[in-house]
Amino acid sequence: MTLRAAREQSGKTQAQVAKEAKISEAQYQNIEYGKNTPSVTTAIRIAGALGSTVEALFGAATPAIGETPGGNRANQEDLQGYNTTANTSLSRGTQEEPSGAGG
């Protein structure tokens, strides 16, 4: 189900969903029109506002491992770098502070 279809099914306006998701109406519109991708937090808030799940609203657009957004197979070198970065981030479970940040 598309984001627009879910919103229309809920009977809410873009402004109502945006307000419930604590984002601007313009930001919501850009997400609904596919111009921007929401952060995880924003996706969760939108799903909550629409009484849906993140997977139902945004999951279908996520390319499978080994697929690029255009549907082409990524080369092994691209995947290797991606997987290393993803695994490192996930295994740490924390975000690094920007260089020079206090502490």
PDB file of N, CA and C in Angstrom:
ATOM      1  N   MET A   1       0.854  -1.180   0.000  1.00  0.00           N
ATOM      2  CA  MET A   1       0.000   0.000   0.000  1.00  0.00           C
ATOM      3  C   MET A   1       0.896   1.239   0.000  1.00  0.00           C
ATOM      4  N   THR A   2       0.552   2.187  -0.825  1.00  0.00           N
ATOM      5  CA  THR A   2       1.336   3.413  -0.863  1.00  0.00           C
ATOM      6  C   THR A   2       0.986   4.295   0.332  1.00  0.00           C
ATOM      7  N   LEU A   3       1.865   5.217   0.612  1.00  0.00           N
ATOM      8  CA  LEU A   3       1.641   6.144   1.712  1.00  0.00           C
ATOM      9  C   LEU A   3       0.367   6.953   1.465  1.00  0.00           C
ATOM     10  N   ARG A   4       0.203   7.401   0.243  1.00  0.00           N
ATOM     11  CA  ARG A   4      -0.999   8.176  -0.093  1.00  0.00           C
ATOM     12  C   ARG A   4      -2.262   7.347   0.104  1.00  0.00           C
ATOM     13  N   ALA A   5      -2.241   6.098  -0.361  1.00  0.00           N
ATOM     14  CA  ALA A   5      -3.416   5.238  -0.219  1.00  0.00           C
ATOM     15  C   ALA A   5      -3.746   5.000   1.257  1.00  0.00           C
ATOM     16  N   ALA A   6      -2.723   4.799   2.069  1.00  0.00           N
ATOM     17  CA  ALA A   6      -2.941   4.596   3.502  1.00  0.00           C
ATOM     18  C   ALA A   6      -3.531   5.846   4.136  1.00  0.00           C
ATOM     19  N   ARG A   7      -3.015   7.006   3.726  1.00  0.00           N
ATOM     20  CA  ARG A   7      -3.537   8.263   4.280  1.00  0.00           C
ATOM     21  C   ARG A   7      -4.990   8.457   3.876  1.00  0.00           C
ATOM     22  N   GLU A   8      -5.284   8.236   2.602  1.00  0.00           N
ATOM     23  CA  GLU A   8      -6.660   8.412   2.130  1.00  0.00           C
ATOM     24  C   GLU A   8      -7.603   7.421   2.804  1.00  0.00           C
ATOM     25  N   GLN A   9      -7.143   6.187   2.988  1.00  0.00           N
ATOM     26  CA  GLN A   9      -7.952   5.178   3.666  1.00  0.00           C
ATOM     27  C   GLN A   9      -8.236   5.587   5.111  1.00  0.00           C
ATOM     28  N   SER A  10      -7.283   6.274   5.730  1.00  0.00           N
ATOM     29  CA  SER A  10      -7.469   6.716   7.118  1.00  0.00           C
ATOM     30  C   SER A  10      -8.431   7.899   7.208  1.00  0.00           C
ATOM     31  N   GLY A  11      -8.669   8.559   6.071  1.00  0.00           N
ATOM     32  CA  GLY A  11      -9.550   9.717   6.055  1.00  0.00           C
ATOM     33  C   GLY A  11      -8.889  10.991   6.548  1.00  0.00           C
ATOM     34  N   LYS A  12      -7.568  10.972   6.646  1.00  0.00           N
ATOM     35  CA  LYS A  12      -6.833  12.138   7.142  1.00  0.00           C
ATOM     36  C   LYS A  12      -6.243  12.945   5.997  1.00  0.00           C
ATOM     37  N   THR A  13      -6.049  14.227   6.275  1.00  0.00           N
ATOM     38  CA  THR A  13      -5.376  15.096   5.307  1.00  0.00           C
ATOM     39  C   THR A  13      -3.875  15.008   5.524  1.00  0.00           C
ATOM     40  N   GLN A  14      -3.116  15.521   4.571  1.00  0.00           N
ATOM     41  CA  GLN A  14      -1.667  15.581   4.736  1.00  0.00           C
ATOM     42  C   GLN A  14      -1.310  16.401   5.970  1.00  0.00           C
ATOM     43  N   ALA A  15      -2.021  17.494   6.182  1.00  0.00           N
ATOM     44  CA  ALA A  15      -1.756  18.359   7.340  1.00  0.00           C
ATOM     45  C   ALA A  15      -1.994  17.620   8.655  1.00  0.00           C
ATOM     46  N   GLN A  16      -3.029  16.813   8.721  1.00  0.00           N
ATOM     47  CA  GLN A  16      -3.323  16.066   9.939  1.00  0.00           C
ATOM     48  C   GLN A  16      -2.240  15.025  10.236  1.00  0.00           C
ATOM     49  N   VAL A  17      -1.835  14.299   9.202  1.00  0.00           N
ATOM     50  CA  VAL A  17      -0.792  13.287   9.393  1.00  0.00           C
ATOM     51  C   VAL A  17       0.511  13.956   9.819  1.00  0.00           C
ATOM     52  N   ALA A  18       0.845  15.058   9.144  1.00  0.00           N
ATOM     53  CA  ALA A  18       2.082  15.770   9.475  1.00  0.00           C
ATOM     54  C   ALA A  18       2.063  16.236  10.924  1.00  0.00           C
ATOM     55  N   LYS A  19       0.956  16.793  11.363  1.00  0.00           N
ATOM     56  CA  LYS A  19       0.851  17.277  12.740  1.00  0.00           C
ATOM     57  C   LYS A  19       1.015  16.131  13.730  1.00  0.00           C
ATOM     58  N   GLU A  20       0.356  14.997  13.471  1.00  0.00           N
ATOM     59  CA  GLU A  20       0.467  13.847  14.368  1.00  0.00           C
ATOM     60  C   GLU A  20       1.873  13.249  14.365  1.00  0.00           C
ATOM     61  N   ALA A  21       2.556  13.343  13.215  1.00  0.00           N
ATOM     62  CA  ALA A  21       3.919  12.808  13.102  1.00  0.00           C
ATOM     63  C   ALA A  21       4.967  13.816  13.559  1.00  0.00           C
ATOM     64  N   LYS A  22       4.517  15.002  13.935  1.00  0.00           N
ATOM     65  CA  LYS A  22       5.401  16.063  14.436  1.00  0.00           C
ATOM     66  C   LYS A  22       6.431  16.509  13.397  1.00  0.00           C
ATOM     67  N   ILE A  23       5.960  16.647  12.157  1.00  0.00           N
ATOM     68  CA  ILE A  23       6.788  17.170  11.071  1.00  0.00           C
ATOM     69  C   ILE A  23       5.985  18.237  10.337  1.00  0.00           C
ATOM     70  N   SER A  24       6.648  19.002   9.487  1.00  0.00           N
ATOM     71  CA  SER A  24       5.927  20.020   8.729  1.00  0.00           C
ATOM     72  C   SER A  24       5.104  19.355   7.631  1.00  0.00           C
ATOM     73  N   GLU A  25       4.085  20.054   7.203  1.00  0.00           N
ATOM     74  CA  GLU A  25       3.263  19.536   6.111  1.00  0.00           C
ATOM     75  C   GLU A  25       4.097  19.381   4.843  1.00  0.00           C
ATOM     76  N   ALA A  26       4.993  20.340   4.588  1.00  0.00           N
ATOM     77  CA  ALA A  26       5.857  20.259   3.402  1.00  0.00           C
ATOM     78  C   ALA A  26       6.750  19.025   3.462  1.00  0.00           C
ATOM     79  N   GLN A  27       7.292  18.719   4.641  1.00  0.00           N
ATOM     80  CA  GLN A  27       8.137  17.537   4.786  1.00  0.00           C
ATOM     81  C   GLN A  27       7.322  16.273   4.522  1.00  0.00           C
ATOM     82  N   TYR A  28       6.109  16.230   5.070  1.00  0.00           N
ATOM     83  CA  TYR A  28       5.253  15.064   4.835  1.00  0.00           C
ATOM     84  C   TYR A  28       4.954  14.912   3.345  1.00  0.00           C
ATOM     85  N   GLN A  29       4.615  16.021   2.694  1.00  0.00           N
ATOM     86  CA  GLN A  29       4.316  15.965   1.266  1.00  0.00           C
ATOM     87  C   GLN A  29       5.498  15.419   0.474  1.00  0.00           C
ATOM     88  N   ASN A  30       6.695  15.877   0.790  1.00  0.00           N
ATOM     89  CA  ASN A  30       7.883  15.392   0.087  1.00  0.00           C
ATOM     90  C   ASN A  30       8.086  13.895   0.294  1.00  0.00           C
ATOM     91  N   ILE A  31       7.759  13.404   1.468  1.00  0.00           N
ATOM     92  CA  ILE A  31       7.865  11.967   1.736  1.00  0.00           C
ATOM     93  C   ILE A  31       6.784  11.228   0.951  1.00  0.00           C
ATOM     94  N   GLU A  32       5.565  11.725   1.002  1.00  0.00           N
ATOM     95  CA  GLU A  32       4.458  11.061   0.293  1.00  0.00           C
ATOM     96  C   GLU A  32       4.691  11.046  -1.217  1.00  0.00           C
ATOM     97  N   TYR A  33       5.259  12.114  -1.760  1.00  0.00           N
ATOM     98  CA  TYR A  33       5.510  12.197  -3.199  1.00  0.00           C
ATOM     99  C   TYR A  33       6.791  11.472  -3.616  1.00  0.00           C
ATOM    100  N   GLY A  34       7.522  10.931  -2.640  1.00  0.00           N
ATOM    101  CA  GLY A  34       8.729  10.182  -2.952  1.00  0.00           C
ATOM    102  C   GLY A  34       9.952  11.039  -3.195  1.00  0.00           C
ATOM    103  N   LYS A  35       9.882  12.315  -2.854  1.00  0.00           N
ATOM    104  CA  LYS A  35      11.032  13.212  -3.033  1.00  0.00           C
ATOM    105  C   LYS A  35      12.051  13.057  -1.925  1.00  0.00           C
ATOM    106  N   ASN A  36      11.597  12.697  -0.732  1.00  0.00           N
ATOM    107  CA  ASN A  36      12.480  12.500   0.423  1.00  0.00           C
ATOM    108  C   ASN A  36      12.177  11.162   1.070  1.00  0.00           C
ATOM    109  N   THR A  37      13.164  10.615   1.741  1.00  0.00           N
ATOM    110  CA  THR A  37      12.996   9.393   2.519  1.00  0.00           C
ATOM    111  C   THR A  37      13.007   9.786   3.991  1.00  0.00           C
ATOM    112  N   PRO A  38      12.028   9.308   4.755  1.00  0.00           N
ATOM    113  CA  PRO A  38      11.973   9.708   6.162  1.00  0.00           C
ATOM    114  C   PRO A  38      13.035   9.013   6.997  1.00  0.00           C
ATOM    115  N   SER A  39      13.401   9.647   8.102  1.00  0.00           N
ATOM    116  CA  SER A  39      14.261   8.983   9.082  1.00  0.00           C
ATOM    117  C   SER A  39      13.439   7.853   9.701  1.00  0.00           C
ATOM    118  N   VAL A  40      14.089   6.979  10.417  1.00  0.00           N
ATOM    119  CA  VAL A  40      13.383   5.883  11.074  1.00  0.00           C
ATOM    120  C   VAL A  40      12.345   6.441  12.044  1.00  0.00           C
ATOM    121  N   THR A  41      12.737   7.428  12.821  1.00  0.00           N
ATOM    122  CA  THR A  41      11.821   8.030  13.791  1.00  0.00           C
ATOM    123  C   THR A  41      10.595   8.615  13.107  1.00  0.00           C
ATOM    124  N   THR A  42      10.820   9.343  12.028  1.00  0.00           N
ATOM    125  CA  THR A  42       9.703   9.946  11.298  1.00  0.00           C
ATOM    126  C   THR A  42       8.823   8.874  10.673  1.00  0.00           C
ATOM    127  N   ALA A  43       9.415   7.833  10.125  1.00  0.00           N
ATOM    128  CA  ALA A  43       8.637   6.740   9.533  1.00  0.00           C
ATOM    129  C   ALA A  43       7.743   6.087  10.581  1.00  0.00           C
ATOM    130  N   ILE A  44       8.286   5.893  11.783  1.00  0.00           N
ATOM    131  CA  ILE A  44       7.502   5.296  12.874  1.00  0.00           C
ATOM    132  C   ILE A  44       6.340   6.220  13.247  1.00  0.00           C
ATOM    133  N   ARG A  45       6.607   7.511  13.320  1.00  0.00           N
ATOM    134  CA  ARG A  45       5.544   8.471  13.672  1.00  0.00           C
ATOM    135  C   ARG A  45       4.457   8.514  12.602  1.00  0.00           C
ATOM    136  N   ILE A  46       4.857   8.496  11.333  1.00  0.00           N
ATOM    137  CA  ILE A  46       3.869   8.499  10.243  1.00  0.00           C
ATOM    138  C   ILE A  46       3.024   7.232  10.304  1.00  0.00           C
ATOM    139  N   ALA A  47       3.684   6.094  10.484  1.00  0.00           N
ATOM    140  CA  ALA A  47       2.945   4.833  10.569  1.00  0.00           C
ATOM    141  C   ALA A  47       1.949   4.869  11.724  1.00  0.00           C
ATOM    142  N   GLY A  48       2.381   5.401  12.855  1.00  0.00           N
ATOM    143  CA  GLY A  48       1.481   5.517  14.001  1.00  0.00           C
ATOM    144  C   GLY A  48       0.296   6.420  13.715  1.00  0.00           C
ATOM    145  N   ALA A  49       0.554   7.525  13.028  1.00  0.00           N
ATOM    146  CA  ALA A  49      -0.524   8.463  12.693  1.00  0.00           C
ATOM    147  C   ALA A  49      -1.543   7.827  11.753  1.00  0.00           C
ATOM    148  N   LEU A  50      -1.067   6.892  10.942  1.00  0.00           N
ATOM    149  CA  LEU A  50      -1.953   6.242   9.976  1.00  0.00           C
ATOM    150  C   LEU A  50      -2.469   4.890  10.463  1.00  0.00           C
ATOM    151  N   GLY A  51      -2.093   4.499  11.681  1.00  0.00           N
ATOM    152  CA  GLY A  51      -2.549   3.222  12.215  1.00  0.00           C
ATOM    153  C   GLY A  51      -2.009   2.048  11.417  1.00  0.00           C
ATOM    154  N   SER A  52      -0.785   2.176  10.955  1.00  0.00           N
ATOM    155  CA  SER A  52      -0.170   1.155  10.123  1.00  0.00           C
ATOM    156  C   SER A  52       1.202   0.803  10.685  1.00  0.00           C
ATOM    157  N   THR A  53       1.984   0.084   9.893  1.00  0.00           N
ATOM    158  CA  THR A  53       3.347  -0.256  10.295  1.00  0.00           C
ATOM    159  C   THR A  53       4.329   0.343   9.306  1.00  0.00           C
ATOM    160  N   VAL A  54       5.557   0.518   9.749  1.00  0.00           N
ATOM    161  CA  VAL A  54       6.610   1.029   8.875  1.00  0.00           C
ATOM    162  C   VAL A  54       6.794   0.080   7.695  1.00  0.00           C
ATOM    163  N   GLU A  55       6.775  -1.214   7.966  1.00  0.00           N
ATOM    164  CA  GLU A  55       6.961  -2.203   6.908  1.00  0.00           C
ATOM    165  C   GLU A  55       5.882  -2.095   5.843  1.00  0.00           C
ATOM    166  N   ALA A  56       4.632  -1.915   6.269  1.00  0.00           N
ATOM    167  CA  ALA A  56       3.531  -1.825   5.315  1.00  0.00           C
ATOM    168  C   ALA A  56       3.626  -0.567   4.454  1.00  0.00           C
ATOM    169  N   LEU A  57       4.092   0.523   5.053  1.00  0.00           N
ATOM    170  CA  LEU A  57       4.138   1.792   4.329  1.00  0.00           C
ATOM    171  C   LEU A  57       5.416   1.999   3.537  1.00  0.00           C
ATOM    172  N   PHE A  58       6.545   1.539   4.052  1.00  0.00           N
ATOM    173  CA  PHE A  58       7.834   1.843   3.436  1.00  0.00           C
ATOM    174  C   PHE A  58       8.638   0.610   3.034  1.00  0.00           C
ATOM    175  N   GLY A  59       8.277  -0.557   3.533  1.00  0.00           N
ATOM    176  CA  GLY A  59       9.060  -1.766   3.316  1.00  0.00           C
ATOM    177  C   GLY A  59       9.163  -2.214   1.879  1.00  0.00           C
ATOM    178  N   ALA A  60       8.106  -2.067   1.106  1.00  0.00           N
ATOM    179  CA  ALA A  60       8.092  -2.569  -0.269  1.00  0.00           C
ATOM    180  C   ALA A  60       9.067  -1.812  -1.159  1.00  0.00           C
ATOM    181  N   ALA A  61       9.402  -0.594  -0.791  1.00  0.00           N
ATOM    182  CA  ALA A  61      10.298   0.209  -1.623  1.00  0.00           C
ATOM    183  C   ALA A  61      11.764  -0.084  -1.335  1.00  0.00           C
ATOM    184  N   THR A  62      12.047  -0.879  -0.302  1.00  0.00           N
ATOM    185  CA  THR A  62      13.423  -1.181   0.062  1.00  0.00           C
ATOM    186  C   THR A  62      13.966  -2.249  -0.869  1.00  0.00           C
ATOM    187  N   PRO A  63      15.080  -1.986  -1.551  1.00  0.00           N
ATOM    188  CA  PRO A  63      15.631  -3.000  -2.437  1.00  0.00           C
ATOM    189  C   PRO A  63      16.167  -4.187  -1.651  1.00  0.00           C
ATOM    190  N   ALA A  64      16.086  -5.348  -2.255  1.00  0.00           N
ATOM    191  CA  ALA A  64      16.620  -6.560  -1.633  1.00  0.00           C
ATOM    192  C   ALA A  64      18.138  -6.478  -1.602  1.00  0.00           C
ATOM    193  N   ILE A  65      18.749  -7.246  -0.719  1.00  0.00           N
ATOM    194  CA  ILE A  65      20.209  -7.300  -0.672  1.00  0.00           C
ATOM    195  C   ILE A  65      20.704  -7.698  -2.062  1.00  0.00           C
ATOM    196  N   GLY A  66      21.660  -6.964  -2.548  1.00  0.00           N
ATOM    197  CA  GLY A  66      22.206  -7.253  -3.869  1.00  0.00           C
ATOM    198  C   GLY A  66      21.501  -6.511  -4.983  1.00  0.00           C
ATOM    199  N   GLU A  67      20.447  -5.783  -4.669  1.00  0.00           N
ATOM    200  CA  GLU A  67      19.719  -5.013  -5.673  1.00  0.00           C
ATOM    201  C   GLU A  67      19.933  -3.527  -5.432  1.00  0.00           C
ATOM    202  N   THR A  68      20.080  -2.789  -6.489  1.00  0.00           N
ATOM    203  CA  THR A  68      20.135  -1.335  -6.374  1.00  0.00           C
ATOM    204  C   THR A  68      18.708  -0.823  -6.496  1.00  0.00           C
ATOM    205  N   PRO A  69      18.416   0.414  -6.088  1.00  0.00           N
ATOM    206  CA  PRO A  69      17.051   0.918  -6.179  1.00  0.00           C
ATOM    207  C   PRO A  69      16.455   0.820  -7.577  1.00  0.00           C
ATOM    208  N   GLY A  70      17.276   0.873  -8.612  1.00  0.00           N
ATOM    209  CA  GLY A  70      16.771   0.750  -9.974  1.00  0.00           C
ATOM    210  C   GLY A  70      16.507  -0.682 -10.403  1.00  0.00           C
ATOM    211  N   GLY A  71      16.783  -1.642  -9.526  1.00  0.00           N
ATOM    212  CA  GLY A  71      16.521  -3.029  -9.835  1.00  0.00           C
ATOM    213  C   GLY A  71      17.706  -3.766 -10.433  1.00  0.00           C
ATOM    214  N   ASN A  72      18.818  -3.099 -10.644  1.00  0.00           N
ATOM    215  CA  ASN A  72      20.005  -3.743 -11.199  1.00  0.00           C
ATOM    216  C   ASN A  72      20.806  -4.394 -10.094  1.00  0.00           C
ATOM    217  N   ARG A  73      21.489  -5.468 -10.447  1.00  0.00           N
ATOM    218  CA  ARG A  73      22.351  -6.114  -9.466  1.00  0.00           C
ATOM    219  C   ARG A  73      23.548  -5.222  -9.178  1.00  0.00           C
ATOM    220  N   ALA A  74      23.830  -5.032  -7.899  1.00  0.00           N
ATOM    221  CA  ALA A  74      25.019  -4.271  -7.524  1.00  0.00           C
ATOM    222  C   ALA A  74      26.228  -5.172  -7.699  1.00  0.00           C
ATOM    223  N   ASN A  75      27.363  -4.589  -8.015  1.00  0.00           N
ATOM    224  CA  ASN A  75      28.542  -5.438  -8.149  1.00  0.00           C
ATOM    225  C   ASN A  75      29.060  -5.825  -6.766  1.00  0.00           C
ATOM    226  N   GLN A  76      29.837  -6.883  -6.714  1.00  0.00           N
ATOM    227  CA  GLN A  76      30.306  -7.437  -5.442  1.00  0.00           C
ATOM    228  C   GLN A  76      31.117  -6.425  -4.635  1.00  0.00           C
ATOM    229  N   GLU A  77      31.890  -5.588  -5.322  1.00  0.00           N
ATOM    230  CA  GLU A  77      32.693  -4.582  -4.623  1.00  0.00           C
ATOM    231  C   GLU A  77      31.791  -3.592  -3.894  1.00  0.00           C
ATOM    232  N   ASP A  78      30.720  -3.154  -4.537  1.00  0.00           N
ATOM    233  CA  ASP A  78      29.781  -2.239  -3.885  1.00  0.00           C
ATOM    234  C   ASP A  78      29.150  -2.891  -2.662  1.00  0.00           C
ATOM    235  N   LEU A  79      28.735  -4.131  -2.810  1.00  0.00           N
ATOM    236  CA  LEU A  79      28.096  -4.827  -1.704  1.00  0.00           C
ATOM    237  C   LEU A  79      29.058  -5.049  -0.546  1.00  0.00           C
ATOM    238  N   GLN A  80      30.289  -5.387  -0.856  1.00  0.00           N
ATOM    239  CA  GLN A  80      31.259  -5.650   0.193  1.00  0.00           C
ATOM    240  C   GLN A  80      31.442  -4.408   1.062  1.00  0.00           C
ATOM    241  N   GLY A  81      31.617  -3.259   0.459  1.00  0.00           N
ATOM    242  CA  GLY A  81      31.751  -2.019   1.216  1.00  0.00           C
ATOM    243  C   GLY A  81      30.499  -1.690   1.995  1.00  0.00           C
ATOM    244  N   TYR A  82      29.338  -1.910   1.384  1.00  0.00           N
ATOM    245  CA  TYR A  82      28.070  -1.627   2.044  1.00  0.00           C
ATOM    246  C   TYR A  82      27.884  -2.541   3.246  1.00  0.00           C
ATOM    247  N   ASN A  83      28.099  -3.832   3.035  1.00  0.00           N
ATOM    248  CA  ASN A  83      27.894  -4.784   4.122  1.00  0.00           C
ATOM    249  C   ASN A  83      28.850  -4.533   5.276  1.00  0.00           C
ATOM    250  N   THR A  84      30.087  -4.208   4.983  1.00  0.00           N
ATOM    251  CA  THR A  84      31.055  -3.929   6.035  1.00  0.00           C
ATOM    252  C   THR A  84      30.604  -2.730   6.852  1.00  0.00           C
ATOM    253  N   THR A  85      30.187  -1.687   6.179  1.00  0.00           N
ATOM    254  CA  THR A  85      29.724  -0.485   6.866  1.00  0.00           C
ATOM    255  C   THR A  85      28.486  -0.796   7.698  1.00  0.00           C
ATOM    256  N   ALA A  86      27.524  -1.496   7.107  1.00  0.00           N
ATOM    257  CA  ALA A  86      26.286  -1.805   7.819  1.00  0.00           C
ATOM    258  C   ALA A  86      26.557  -2.688   9.026  1.00  0.00           C
ATOM    259  N   ASN A  87      27.370  -3.728   8.846  1.00  0.00           N
ATOM    260  CA  ASN A  87      27.640  -4.636   9.955  1.00  0.00           C
ATOM    261  C   ASN A  87      28.380  -3.934  11.084  1.00  0.00           C
ATOM    262  N   THR A  88      29.323  -3.082  10.750  1.00  0.00           N
ATOM    263  CA  THR A  88      30.070  -2.362  11.770  1.00  0.00           C
ATOM    264  C   THR A  88      29.129  -1.475  12.578  1.00  0.00           C
ATOM    265  N   SER A  89      28.251  -0.758  11.888  1.00  0.00           N
ATOM    266  CA  SER A  89      27.317   0.133  12.575  1.00  0.00           C
ATOM    267  C   SER A  89      26.381  -0.649  13.475  1.00  0.00           C
ATOM    268  N   LEU A  90      25.885  -1.770  12.972  1.00  0.00           N
ATOM    269  CA  LEU A  90      24.928  -2.541  13.745  1.00  0.00           C
ATOM    270  C   LEU A  90      25.590  -3.236  14.935  1.00  0.00           C
ATOM    271  N   SER A  91      26.800  -3.720  14.746  1.00  0.00           N
ATOM    272  CA  SER A  91      27.427  -4.461  15.829  1.00  0.00           C
ATOM    273  C   SER A  91      27.816  -3.550  16.986  1.00  0.00           C
ATOM    274  N   ARG A  92      28.135  -2.297  16.680  1.00  0.00           N
ATOM    275  CA  ARG A  92      28.482  -1.365  17.752  1.00  0.00           C
ATOM    276  C   ARG A  92      27.260  -0.956  18.546  1.00  0.00           C
ATOM    277  N   GLY A  93      26.144  -0.756  17.850  1.00  0.00           N
ATOM    278  CA  GLY A  93      24.910  -0.381  18.525  1.00  0.00           C
ATOM    279  C   GLY A  93      24.899   1.033  19.061  1.00  0.00           C
ATOM    280  N   THR A  94      25.952   1.811  18.792  1.00  0.00           N
ATOM    281  CA  THR A  94      25.992   3.200  19.241  1.00  0.00           C
ATOM    282  C   THR A  94      26.459   4.060  18.091  1.00  0.00           C
ATOM    283  N   GLN A  95      26.202   5.313  18.208  1.00  0.00           N
ATOM    284  CA  GLN A  95      26.660   6.243  17.194  1.00  0.00           C
ATOM    285  C   GLN A  95      27.942   6.896  17.670  1.00  0.00           C
ATOM    286  N   GLU A  96      28.866   7.081  16.741  1.00  0.00           N
ATOM    287  CA  GLU A  96      30.091   7.767  17.090  1.00  0.00           C
ATOM    288  C   GLU A  96      29.824   9.252  17.170  1.00  0.00           C
ATOM    289  N   GLU A  97      30.496   9.920  18.093  1.00  0.00           N
ATOM    290  CA  GLU A  97      30.389  11.362  18.176  1.00  0.00           C
ATOM    291  C   GLU A  97      31.265  11.967  17.085  1.00  0.00           C
ATOM    292  N   PRO A  98      30.829  13.079  16.522  1.00  0.00           N
ATOM    293  CA  PRO A  98      31.638  13.728  15.498  1.00  0.00           C
ATOM    294  C   PRO A  98      33.027  14.064  16.032  1.00  0.00           C
ATOM    295  N   SER A  99      33.982  14.049  15.165  1.00  0.00           N
ATOM    296  CA  SER A  99      35.359  14.341  15.549  1.00  0.00           C
ATOM    297  C   SER A  99      35.429  15.707  16.225  1.00  0.00           C
ATOM    298  N   GLY A 100      36.118  15.757  17.343  1.00  0.00           N
ATOM    299  CA  GLY A 100      36.274  17.005  18.075  1.00  0.00           C
ATOM    300  C   GLY A 100      35.156  17.282  19.061  1.00  0.00           C
ATOM    301  N   ALA A 101      34.144  16.373  19.157  1.00  0.00           N
ATOM    302  CA  ALA A 101      33.048  16.592  20.095  1.00  0.00           C
ATOM    303  C   ALA A 101      33.560  16.369  21.516  1.00  0.00           C
ATOM    304  N   GLY A 102      32.978  17.066  22.447  1.00  0.00           N
ATOM    305  CA  GLY A 102      33.416  17.062  23.844  1.00  0.00           C
ATOM    306  C   GLY A 102      33.774  15.717  24.424  1.00  0.00           C
ATOM    307  N   GLY A 103      34.366  15.733  25.584  1.00  0.00           N
ATOM    308  CA  GLY A 103      34.571  14.519  26.287  1.00  0.00           C
ATOM    309  C   GLY A 103      35.901  14.026  26.448  1.00  0.00           C
TER     310      GLY A 103
END
